[in-house]
């Protein structure tokens, strides 16, 4: 997963996959979900992100950094 913030447009893109988006759906004002050809969510685009989110801090919890070996 990758987070890209664009200050010139105040938009945040959350990229879940490197697969290309073929369909987009606006689910609320300025929030667009992007889907691949199979209908899998590949990203979220948030316009005016600083008005909708607190961008000063990113907190992650319980995210595995390495895959456990069997």
PDB file of N, CA and C in Angstrom:
ATOM      1  N   UNK A   1       0.861  -1.171   0.000  1.00  0.00           N
ATOM      2  CA  UNK A   1       0.000   0.000   0.000  1.00  0.00           C
ATOM      3  C   UNK A   1       0.901   1.225   0.000  1.00  0.00           C
ATOM      4  N   UNK A   2       0.472   2.234  -0.734  1.00  0.00           N
ATOM      5  CA  UNK A   2       1.254   3.454  -0.852  1.00  0.00           C
ATOM      6  C   UNK A   2       0.327   4.650  -0.675  1.00  0.00           C
ATOM      7  N   UNK A   3       0.793   5.654   0.060  1.00  0.00           N
ATOM      8  CA  UNK A   3       0.053   6.898   0.250  1.00  0.00           C
ATOM      9  C   UNK A   3       0.797   8.001  -0.499  1.00  0.00           C
ATOM     10  N   UNK A   4       0.100   8.729  -1.355  1.00  0.00           N
ATOM     11  CA  UNK A   4       0.678   9.865  -2.075  1.00  0.00           C
ATOM     12  C   UNK A   4      -0.170  11.089  -1.788  1.00  0.00           C
ATOM     13  N   UNK A   5       0.487  12.120  -1.237  1.00  0.00           N
ATOM     14  CA  UNK A   5      -0.203  13.386  -0.984  1.00  0.00           C
ATOM     15  C   UNK A   5       0.325  14.429  -1.957  1.00  0.00           C
ATOM     16  N   UNK A   6      -0.588  15.158  -2.589  1.00  0.00           N
ATOM     17  CA  UNK A   6      -0.246  16.190  -3.558  1.00  0.00           C
ATOM     18  C   UNK A   6      -0.682  17.541  -3.003  1.00  0.00           C
ATOM     19  N   UNK A   7       0.262  18.298  -2.403  1.00  0.00           N
ATOM     20  CA  UNK A   7      -0.112  19.558  -1.753  1.00  0.00           C
ATOM     21  C   UNK A   7      -0.671  20.609  -2.702  1.00  0.00           C
ATOM     22  N   UNK A   8      -0.250  20.598  -3.969  1.00  0.00           N
ATOM     23  CA  UNK A   8      -0.740  21.619  -4.898  1.00  0.00           C
ATOM     24  C   UNK A   8      -2.238  21.470  -5.171  1.00  0.00           C
ATOM     25  N   UNK A   9      -2.766  20.241  -5.051  1.00  0.00           N
ATOM     26  CA  UNK A   9      -4.207  20.024  -5.240  1.00  0.00           C
ATOM     27  C   UNK A   9      -4.894  19.601  -3.951  1.00  0.00           C
ATOM     28  N   UNK A  10      -4.116  19.452  -2.860  1.00  0.00           N
ATOM     29  CA  UNK A  10      -4.627  18.986  -1.568  1.00  0.00           C
ATOM     30  C   UNK A  10      -5.404  17.683  -1.737  1.00  0.00           C
ATOM     31  N   UNK A  11      -4.781  16.755  -2.467  1.00  0.00           N
ATOM     32  CA  UNK A  11      -5.431  15.459  -2.651  1.00  0.00           C
ATOM     33  C   UNK A  11      -4.528  14.341  -2.137  1.00  0.00           C
ATOM     34  N   UNK A  12      -5.159  13.299  -1.653  1.00  0.00           N
ATOM     35  CA  UNK A  12      -4.463  12.123  -1.129  1.00  0.00           C
ATOM     36  C   UNK A  12      -4.919  10.929  -1.933  1.00  0.00           C
ATOM     37  N   UNK A  13      -3.954  10.149  -2.424  1.00  0.00           N
ATOM     38  CA  UNK A  13      -4.293   8.917  -3.128  1.00  0.00           C
ATOM     39  C   UNK A  13      -3.744   7.752  -2.335  1.00  0.00           C
ATOM     40  N   UNK A  14      -4.616   6.822  -1.988  1.00  0.00           N
ATOM     41  CA  UNK A  14      -4.230   5.605  -1.283  1.00  0.00           C
ATOM     42  C   UNK A  14      -4.233   4.494  -2.325  1.00  0.00           C
ATOM     43  N   UNK A  15      -3.054   3.981  -2.612  1.00  0.00           N
ATOM     44  CA  UNK A  15      -2.857   2.998  -3.666  1.00  0.00           C
ATOM     45  C   UNK A  15      -2.728   1.610  -3.040  1.00  0.00           C
ATOM     46  N   UNK A  16      -3.687   0.736  -3.322  1.00  0.00           N
ATOM     47  CA  UNK A  16      -3.682  -0.611  -2.761  1.00  0.00           C
ATOM     48  C   UNK A  16      -2.998  -1.630  -3.654  1.00  0.00           C
ATOM     49  N   UNK A  17      -2.837  -1.289  -4.920  1.00  0.00           N
ATOM     50  CA  UNK A  17      -2.338  -2.255  -5.894  1.00  0.00           C
ATOM     51  C   UNK A  17      -1.675  -1.529  -7.051  1.00  0.00           C
ATOM     52  N   UNK A  18      -0.769  -2.213  -7.730  1.00  0.00           N
ATOM     53  CA  UNK A  18      -0.152  -1.634  -8.925  1.00  0.00           C
ATOM     54  C   UNK A  18      -0.991  -1.893 -10.172  1.00  0.00           C
ATOM     55  N   UNK A  19      -2.096  -2.606 -10.003  1.00  0.00           N
ATOM     56  CA  UNK A  19      -2.985  -2.891 -11.138  1.00  0.00           C
ATOM     57  C   UNK A  19      -3.672  -1.599 -11.589  1.00  0.00           C
ATOM     58  N   UNK A  20      -3.867  -1.440 -12.893  1.00  0.00           N
ATOM     59  CA  UNK A  20      -4.484  -0.207 -13.392  1.00  0.00           C
ATOM     60  C   UNK A  20      -5.971  -0.114 -13.064  1.00  0.00           C
ATOM     61  N   UNK A  21      -6.407   1.097 -12.863  1.00  0.00           N
ATOM     62  CA  UNK A  21      -7.822   1.377 -12.620  1.00  0.00           C
ATOM     63  C   UNK A  21      -8.547   1.454 -13.953  1.00  0.00           C
ATOM     64  N   UNK A  22      -9.711   0.800 -14.019  1.00  0.00           N
ATOM     65  CA  UNK A  22     -10.518   0.865 -15.238  1.00  0.00           C
ATOM     66  C   UNK A  22     -11.902   1.454 -14.974  1.00  0.00           C
ATOM     67  N   UNK A  23     -12.242   1.584 -13.695  1.00  0.00           N
ATOM     68  CA  UNK A  23     -13.553   2.134 -13.341  1.00  0.00           C
ATOM     69  C   UNK A  23     -13.418   2.917 -12.042  1.00  0.00           C
ATOM     70  N   UNK A  24     -14.142   4.015 -11.946  1.00  0.00           N
ATOM     71  CA  UNK A  24     -14.126   4.849 -10.745  1.00  0.00           C
ATOM     72  C   UNK A  24     -15.550   5.159 -10.325  1.00  0.00           C
ATOM     73  N   UNK A  25     -15.724   5.285  -9.006  1.00  0.00           N
ATOM     74  CA  UNK A  25     -17.053   5.585  -8.468  1.00  0.00           C
ATOM     75  C   UNK A  25     -16.899   6.597  -7.339  1.00  0.00           C
ATOM     76  N   UNK A  26     -17.565   7.740  -7.462  1.00  0.00           N
ATOM     77  CA  UNK A  26     -17.561   8.737  -6.398  1.00  0.00           C
ATOM     78  C   UNK A  26     -18.578   8.307  -5.352  1.00  0.00           C
ATOM     79  N   UNK A  27     -18.102   8.039  -4.133  1.00  0.00           N
ATOM     80  CA  UNK A  27     -18.982   7.536  -3.071  1.00  0.00           C
ATOM     81  C   UNK A  27     -19.461   8.631  -2.141  1.00  0.00           C
ATOM     82  N   UNK A  28     -18.753   9.736  -2.103  1.00  0.00           N
ATOM     83  CA  UNK A  28     -19.205  10.946  -1.419  1.00  0.00           C
ATOM     84  C   UNK A  28     -18.443  12.094  -2.070  1.00  0.00           C
ATOM     85  N   UNK A  29     -18.831  13.313  -1.755  1.00  0.00           N
ATOM     86  CA  UNK A  29     -18.228  14.456  -2.427  1.00  0.00           C
ATOM     87  C   UNK A  29     -16.714  14.451  -2.270  1.00  0.00           C
ATOM     88  N   UNK A  30     -16.000  14.305  -3.404  1.00  0.00           N
ATOM     89  CA  UNK A  30     -14.548  14.342  -3.391  1.00  0.00           C
ATOM     90  C   UNK A  30     -13.866  13.057  -2.977  1.00  0.00           C
ATOM     91  N   UNK A  31     -14.591  11.969  -2.825  1.00  0.00           N
ATOM     92  CA  UNK A  31     -13.992  10.674  -2.477  1.00  0.00           C
ATOM     93  C   UNK A  31     -14.349   9.685  -3.584  1.00  0.00           C
ATOM     94  N   UNK A  32     -13.305   9.235  -4.287  1.00  0.00           N
ATOM     95  CA  UNK A  32     -13.495   8.373  -5.451  1.00  0.00           C
ATOM     96  C   UNK A  32     -12.787   7.044  -5.230  1.00  0.00           C
ATOM     97  N   UNK A  33     -13.516   5.951  -5.451  1.00  0.00           N
ATOM     98  CA  UNK A  33     -12.944   4.614  -5.372  1.00  0.00           C
ATOM     99  C   UNK A  33     -12.582   4.157  -6.775  1.00  0.00           C
ATOM    100  N   UNK A  34     -11.384   3.608  -6.932  1.00  0.00           N
ATOM    101  CA  UNK A  34     -10.922   3.109  -8.227  1.00  0.00           C
ATOM    102  C   UNK A  34     -10.879   1.586  -8.191  1.00  0.00           C
ATOM    103  N   UNK A  35     -11.372   0.963  -9.258  1.00  0.00           N
ATOM    104  CA  UNK A  35     -11.450  -0.495  -9.357  1.00  0.00           C
ATOM    105  C   UNK A  35     -10.695  -0.984 -10.588  1.00  0.00           C
ATOM    106  N   UNK A  36     -10.147  -2.203 -10.500  1.00  0.00           N
ATOM    107  CA  UNK A  36      -9.495  -2.813 -11.653  1.00  0.00           C
ATOM    108  C   UNK A  36     -10.522  -3.555 -12.509  1.00  0.00           C
ATOM    109  N   UNK A  37     -10.061  -4.247 -13.537  1.00  0.00           N
ATOM    110  CA  UNK A  37     -10.957  -4.924 -14.482  1.00  0.00           C
ATOM    111  C   UNK A  37     -11.776  -6.033 -13.822  1.00  0.00           C
ATOM    112  N   UNK A  38     -11.282  -6.594 -12.710  1.00  0.00           N
ATOM    113  CA  UNK A  38     -12.016  -7.646 -12.002  1.00  0.00           C
ATOM    114  C   UNK A  38     -12.954  -7.100 -10.935  1.00  0.00           C
ATOM    115  N   UNK A  39     -12.983  -5.784 -10.780  1.00  0.00           N
ATOM    116  CA  UNK A  39     -13.849  -5.171  -9.786  1.00  0.00           C
ATOM    117  C   UNK A  39     -13.232  -5.067  -8.405  1.00  0.00           C
ATOM    118  N   UNK A  40     -11.922  -5.296  -8.319  1.00  0.00           N
ATOM    119  CA  UNK A  40     -11.210  -5.196  -7.044  1.00  0.00           C
ATOM    120  C   UNK A  40     -10.799  -3.745  -6.797  1.00  0.00           C
ATOM    121  N   UNK A  41     -10.991  -3.281  -5.578  1.00  0.00           N
ATOM    122  CA  UNK A  41     -10.597  -1.928  -5.203  1.00  0.00           C
ATOM    123  C   UNK A  41      -9.077  -1.802  -5.287  1.00  0.00           C
ATOM    124  N   UNK A  42      -8.596  -0.842  -6.077  1.00  0.00           N
ATOM    125  CA  UNK A  42      -7.156  -0.651  -6.220  1.00  0.00           C
ATOM    126  C   UNK A  42      -6.682   0.684  -5.654  1.00  0.00           C
ATOM    127  N   UNK A  43      -7.603   1.615  -5.383  1.00  0.00           N
ATOM    128  CA  UNK A  43      -7.181   2.890  -4.831  1.00  0.00           C
ATOM    129  C   UNK A  43      -8.340   3.770  -4.422  1.00  0.00           C
ATOM    130  N   UNK A  44      -8.002   4.752  -3.596  1.00  0.00           N
ATOM    131  CA  UNK A  44      -8.977   5.741  -3.135  1.00  0.00           C
ATOM    132  C   UNK A  44      -8.367   7.123  -3.336  1.00  0.00           C
ATOM    133  N   UNK A  45      -9.093   7.997  -3.997  1.00  0.00           N
ATOM    134  CA  UNK A  45      -8.666   9.368  -4.232  1.00  0.00           C
ATOM    135  C   UNK A  45      -9.526  10.291  -3.370  1.00  0.00           C
ATOM    136  N   UNK A  46      -8.871  11.124  -2.561  1.00  0.00           N
ATOM    137  CA  UNK A  46      -9.586  12.025  -1.654  1.00  0.00           C
ATOM    138  C   UNK A  46      -9.193  13.460  -1.983  1.00  0.00           C
ATOM    139  N   UNK A  47     -10.134  14.219  -2.538  1.00  0.00           N
ATOM    140  CA  UNK A  47      -9.913  15.635  -2.828  1.00  0.00           C
ATOM    141  C   UNK A  47     -10.101  16.452  -1.547  1.00  0.00           C
ATOM    142  N   UNK A  48      -9.388  17.577  -1.465  1.00  0.00           N
ATOM    143  CA  UNK A  48      -9.437  18.444  -0.273  1.00  0.00           C
ATOM    144  C   UNK A  48      -9.164  17.624   0.981  1.00  0.00           C
ATOM    145  N   UNK A  49      -8.135  16.807   0.903  1.00  0.00           N
ATOM    146  CA  UNK A  49      -7.825  15.845   1.965  1.00  0.00           C
ATOM    147  C   UNK A  49      -7.577  16.509   3.320  1.00  0.00           C
ATOM    148  N   UNK A  50      -6.915  17.660   3.340  1.00  0.00           N
ATOM    149  CA  UNK A  50      -6.618  18.296   4.626  1.00  0.00           C
ATOM    150  C   UNK A  50      -7.871  18.799   5.330  1.00  0.00           C
ATOM    151  N   UNK A  51      -8.955  18.963   4.589  1.00  0.00           N
ATOM    152  CA  UNK A  51     -10.227  19.367   5.206  1.00  0.00           C
ATOM    153  C   UNK A  51     -10.985  18.162   5.763  1.00  0.00           C
ATOM    154  N   UNK A  52     -10.689  16.976   5.227  1.00  0.00           N
ATOM    155  CA  UNK A  52     -11.424  15.771   5.613  1.00  0.00           C
ATOM    156  C   UNK A  52     -10.660  14.881   6.577  1.00  0.00           C
ATOM    157  N   UNK A  53      -9.329  15.004   6.594  1.00  0.00           N
ATOM    158  CA  UNK A  53      -8.485  14.126   7.396  1.00  0.00           C
ATOM    159  C   UNK A  53      -7.455  14.936   8.161  1.00  0.00           C
ATOM    160  N   UNK A  54      -6.979  14.374   9.267  1.00  0.00           N
ATOM    161  CA  UNK A  54      -5.871  14.979   9.993  1.00  0.00           C
ATOM    162  C   UNK A  54      -4.592  14.410   9.379  1.00  0.00           C
ATOM    163  N   UNK A  55      -3.942  15.186   8.521  1.00  0.00           N
ATOM    164  CA  UNK A  55      -2.768  14.719   7.805  1.00  0.00           C
ATOM    165  C   UNK A  55      -1.470  14.940   8.570  1.00  0.00           C
ATOM    166  N   UNK A  56      -1.551  15.464   9.779  1.00  0.00           N
ATOM    167  CA  UNK A  56      -0.341  15.744  10.557  1.00  0.00           C
ATOM    168  C   UNK A  56       0.289  14.492  11.124  1.00  0.00           C
ATOM    169  N   UNK A  57      -0.478  13.410  11.234  1.00  0.00           N
ATOM    170  CA  UNK A  57       0.055  12.212  11.870  1.00  0.00           C
ATOM    171  C   UNK A  57      -0.509  10.965  11.190  1.00  0.00           C
ATOM    172  N   UNK A  58       0.355   9.983  10.980  1.00  0.00           N
ATOM    173  CA  UNK A  58      -0.052   8.694  10.437  1.00  0.00           C
ATOM    174  C   UNK A  58       0.321   7.636  11.460  1.00  0.00           C
ATOM    175  N   UNK A  59      -0.661   6.897  11.914  1.00  0.00           N
ATOM    176  CA  UNK A  59      -0.433   5.872  12.928  1.00  0.00           C
ATOM    177  C   UNK A  59      -0.768   4.514  12.320  1.00  0.00           C
ATOM    178  N   UNK A  60       0.142   3.580  12.455  1.00  0.00           N
ATOM    179  CA  UNK A  60      -0.109   2.222  11.985  1.00  0.00           C
ATOM    180  C   UNK A  60       0.004   1.277  13.172  1.00  0.00           C
ATOM    181  N   UNK A  61      -0.854   0.274  13.195  1.00  0.00           N
ATOM    182  CA  UNK A  61      -0.797  -0.726  14.256  1.00  0.00           C
ATOM    183  C   UNK A  61      -1.031  -2.100  13.667  1.00  0.00           C
ATOM    184  N   UNK A  62      -0.354  -3.062  14.206  1.00  0.00           N
ATOM    185  CA  UNK A  62      -0.544  -4.468  13.855  1.00  0.00           C
ATOM    186  C   UNK A  62      -0.367  -4.748  12.364  1.00  0.00           C
ATOM    187  N   UNK A  63       0.633  -4.110  11.770  1.00  0.00           N
ATOM    188  CA  UNK A  63       0.921  -4.363  10.365  1.00  0.00           C
ATOM    189  C   UNK A  63       2.178  -5.224  10.307  1.00  0.00           C
ATOM    190  N   UNK A  64       2.072  -6.412   9.738  1.00  0.00           N
ATOM    191  CA  UNK A  64       3.258  -7.277   9.665  1.00  0.00           C
ATOM    192  C   UNK A  64       4.273  -6.706   8.674  1.00  0.00           C
ATOM    193  N   UNK A  65       5.503  -6.597   9.108  1.00  0.00           N
ATOM    194  CA  UNK A  65       6.556  -6.075   8.245  1.00  0.00           C
ATOM    195  C   UNK A  65       7.228  -7.177   7.450  1.00  0.00           C
ATOM    196  N   UNK A  66       7.118  -8.397   7.929  1.00  0.00           N
ATOM    197  CA  UNK A  66       7.695  -9.540   7.222  1.00  0.00           C
ATOM    198  C   UNK A  66       6.746 -10.711   7.341  1.00  0.00           C
ATOM    199  N   UNK A  67       6.742 -11.547   6.335  1.00  0.00           N
ATOM    200  CA  UNK A  67       5.889 -12.734   6.359  1.00  0.00           C
ATOM    201  C   UNK A  67       6.572 -13.801   7.204  1.00  0.00           C
ATOM    202  N   UNK A  68       5.875 -14.327   8.225  1.00  0.00           N
ATOM    203  CA  UNK A  68       6.477 -15.358   9.068  1.00  0.00           C
ATOM    204  C   UNK A  68       6.785 -16.609   8.253  1.00  0.00           C
ATOM    205  N   UNK A  69       7.944 -17.210   8.533  1.00  0.00           N
ATOM    206  CA  UNK A  69       8.324 -18.444   7.844  1.00  0.00           C
ATOM    207  C   UNK A  69       7.709 -19.636   8.576  1.00  0.00           C
ATOM    208  N   UNK A  70       7.222 -20.577   7.800  1.00  0.00           N
ATOM    209  CA  UNK A  70       6.586 -21.760   8.383  1.00  0.00           C
ATOM    210  C   UNK A  70       7.586 -22.741   8.915  1.00  0.00           C
TER     211      UNK A  70
END
